[in-house]
Amino acid sequence: MRILSLLIPFIFGKTVNCTLYKSAARNICKMSDAENYSIAFVTISDKQAADKLSDEMLNKKLVACVNIVSGVESRYVWEGKVNIDSEVLMIIKTRTSRLKELGELIKDKHPYDCPEFITTKIDDGNSADLKWLGKTFQKSK
């Protein structure tokens, strides 16, 4: 339910009225402090590498939660050649103020030469979930 409440605004867009998706997840509404939080998307080679990287993020208190999604097929151009690889997608919830530190950790610890690190701010969400997110870890130093 937690991931659903965070992804619904991305699926339907910012202009969707809360009542349209209240049946999918209760208590979703516009939160004035939602912009304090972001989601980062990172692909990585396998679950073992994702586990190791997510543990480091969590232990350093840079993130509140990491969802690890196995079975992702990535198609991309690298060095002029089309590649198709099995990867793992990491969906990372964090404070927007921690993105710089998180990006540095990913660049330093990720096994790829050019790791994917794409972020977007959270505009809407379940108020209880956002409160949990804020209490889970501190703002940047």
Protein backbone atom coordinates (compact mmCIF):
# COMPACT_ATOMS: atom_id res chain seq x y z
CA MET A 1 0.00 0.00 0.00
CA ARG A 2 2.88 2.38 0.82
CA ILE A 3 4.43 2.17 -2.66
CA LEU A 4 1.00 2.46 -4.28
CA SER A 5 0.29 5.66 -2.38
CA LEU A 6 3.54 7.18 -3.62
CA LEU A 7 3.25 6.05 -7.25
CA ILE A 8 -0.40 6.97 -7.94
CA PRO A 9 0.39 10.68 -8.50
CA PHE A 10 3.09 9.71 -11.01
CA ILE A 11 0.70 7.42 -12.88
CA PHE A 12 -2.17 9.90 -13.05
CA GLY A 13 -0.27 13.18 -12.94
CA LYS A 14 -0.35 16.08 -10.50
CA THR A 15 -3.75 17.37 -11.52
CA VAL A 16 -5.72 14.30 -10.40
CA ASN A 17 -8.23 15.04 -7.63
CA CYS A 18 -7.57 13.11 -4.41
CA THR A 19 -11.06 11.62 -4.45
CA LEU A 20 -10.30 9.76 -7.68
CA TYR A 21 -7.77 7.51 -6.03
CA LYS A 22 -8.92 7.43 -2.40
CA SER A 23 -10.42 4.01 -3.07
CA ALA A 24 -6.95 2.73 -4.01
CA ALA A 25 -5.22 4.11 -0.93
CA ARG A 26 -6.92 5.88 1.98
CA ASN A 27 -5.88 9.33 3.22
CA ILE A 28 -4.01 10.43 0.10
CA CYS A 29 -4.04 14.18 -0.17
CA LYS A 30 -1.92 17.15 -1.10
CA MET A 31 0.73 17.62 1.56
CA SER A 32 2.45 20.96 2.01
CA ASP A 33 5.61 19.20 3.20
CA ALA A 34 5.55 16.54 0.48
CA GLU A 35 8.03 18.53 -1.59
CA ASN A 36 10.59 17.84 1.12
CA TYR A 37 10.80 14.26 -0.14
CA SER A 38 11.99 12.66 -3.36
CA ILE A 39 12.12 9.29 -5.04
CA ALA A 40 15.27 8.12 -6.79
CA PHE A 41 15.43 5.38 -9.39
CA VAL A 42 18.65 3.37 -9.73
CA THR A 43 19.24 0.27 -11.83
CA ILE A 44 21.93 -2.17 -10.79
CA SER A 45 23.32 -5.50 -12.00
CA ASP A 46 21.77 -7.96 -9.53
CA LYS A 47 20.00 -8.38 -6.20
CA GLN A 48 23.20 -8.97 -4.26
CA ALA A 49 24.62 -5.62 -5.44
CA ALA A 50 21.26 -3.93 -4.71
CA ASP A 51 21.20 -5.41 -1.19
CA LYS A 52 24.73 -4.19 -0.49
CA LEU A 53 24.10 -0.68 -1.83
CA SER A 54 20.72 -0.32 -0.09
CA ASP A 55 22.20 -1.48 3.24
CA GLU A 56 24.85 1.23 2.97
CA MET A 57 22.23 3.89 2.17
CA LEU A 58 20.07 2.80 5.11
CA ASN A 59 22.98 2.51 7.55
CA LYS A 60 24.18 6.01 6.65
CA LYS A 61 20.59 7.22 7.16
CA LEU A 62 20.46 8.76 3.68
CA VAL A 63 17.15 7.05 2.85
CA ALA A 64 14.00 5.87 4.59
CA CYS A 65 13.16 2.96 2.30
CA VAL A 66 14.49 1.09 -0.71
CA ASN A 67 12.23 -1.15 -2.79
CA ILE A 68 14.21 -3.72 -4.77
CA VAL A 69 12.43 -4.88 -7.91
CA SER A 70 13.97 -7.90 -9.62
CA GLY A 71 13.33 -9.03 -13.17
CA VAL A 72 13.73 -5.69 -14.95
CA GLU A 73 14.80 -5.86 -18.59
CA SER A 74 16.77 -2.80 -19.67
CA ARG A 75 17.34 -1.87 -23.30
CA TYR A 76 19.78 0.94 -23.90
CA VAL A 77 22.55 2.25 -26.13
CA TRP A 78 26.04 2.13 -24.62
CA GLU A 79 29.18 2.99 -26.57
CA GLY A 80 27.22 2.95 -29.83
CA LYS A 81 25.76 -0.53 -29.32
CA VAL A 82 22.21 -1.55 -28.35
CA ASN A 83 22.28 -3.69 -25.19
CA ILE A 84 19.63 -5.80 -23.49
CA ASP A 85 20.35 -6.73 -19.88
CA SER A 86 18.55 -8.13 -16.86
CA GLU A 87 18.80 -5.67 -14.02
CA VAL A 88 17.33 -4.84 -10.66
CA LEU A 89 15.48 -1.55 -10.10
CA MET A 90 15.92 0.26 -6.81
CA ILE A 91 13.11 2.67 -5.88
CA ILE A 92 14.52 4.88 -3.13
CA LYS A 93 12.58 7.23 -0.83
CA THR A 94 14.58 10.04 0.74
CA ARG A 95 14.55 13.68 1.75
CA THR A 96 15.19 16.04 -1.14
CA SER A 97 17.94 17.64 0.96
CA ARG A 98 19.83 14.31 1.00
CA LEU A 99 19.93 13.80 -2.80
CA LYS A 100 23.43 15.22 -3.23
CA GLU A 101 24.89 12.90 -0.58
CA LEU A 102 22.91 9.97 -1.96
CA GLY A 103 24.14 10.67 -5.50
CA GLU A 104 27.74 10.79 -4.30
CA LEU A 105 27.36 7.46 -2.49
CA ILE A 106 25.84 5.84 -5.58
CA LYS A 107 28.62 7.16 -7.84
CA ASP A 108 31.23 5.89 -5.38
CA LYS A 109 29.77 2.46 -4.53
CA HIS A 110 27.80 1.46 -7.66
CA PRO A 111 29.45 -1.24 -9.83
CA TYR A 112 28.68 0.58 -13.13
CA ASP A 113 30.92 3.23 -14.71
CA CYS A 114 27.87 5.41 -15.33
CA PRO A 115 25.13 4.47 -12.83
CA GLU A 116 21.55 5.57 -13.42
CA PHE A 117 20.42 8.04 -10.76
CA ILE A 118 17.13 9.70 -11.68
CA THR A 119 15.10 11.61 -9.12
CA THR A 120 11.72 13.26 -8.86
CA LYS A 121 10.06 15.15 -6.04
CA ILE A 122 7.03 13.72 -4.28
CA ASP A 123 4.12 16.12 -4.78
CA ASP A 124 1.34 14.14 -3.11
CA GLY A 125 1.07 11.17 -0.81
CA ASN A 126 -0.46 9.42 2.14
CA SER A 127 -0.04 11.81 5.07
CA ALA A 128 0.79 8.97 7.50
CA ASP A 129 3.42 7.63 5.10
CA LEU A 130 5.02 11.05 4.65
CA LYS A 131 5.12 11.54 8.44
CA TRP A 132 6.82 8.13 8.75
CA LEU A 133 9.28 9.13 6.03
CA GLY A 134 10.16 12.34 7.90
CA LYS A 135 10.62 10.62 11.24
CA THR A 136 12.75 7.81 9.83
CA PHE A 137 15.83 9.88 9.13
CA GLN A 138 17.18 13.38 9.68
CA LYS A 139 17.57 16.32 7.35
CA SER A 140 21.01 16.96 5.83
CA LYS A 141 23.65 18.28 8.17
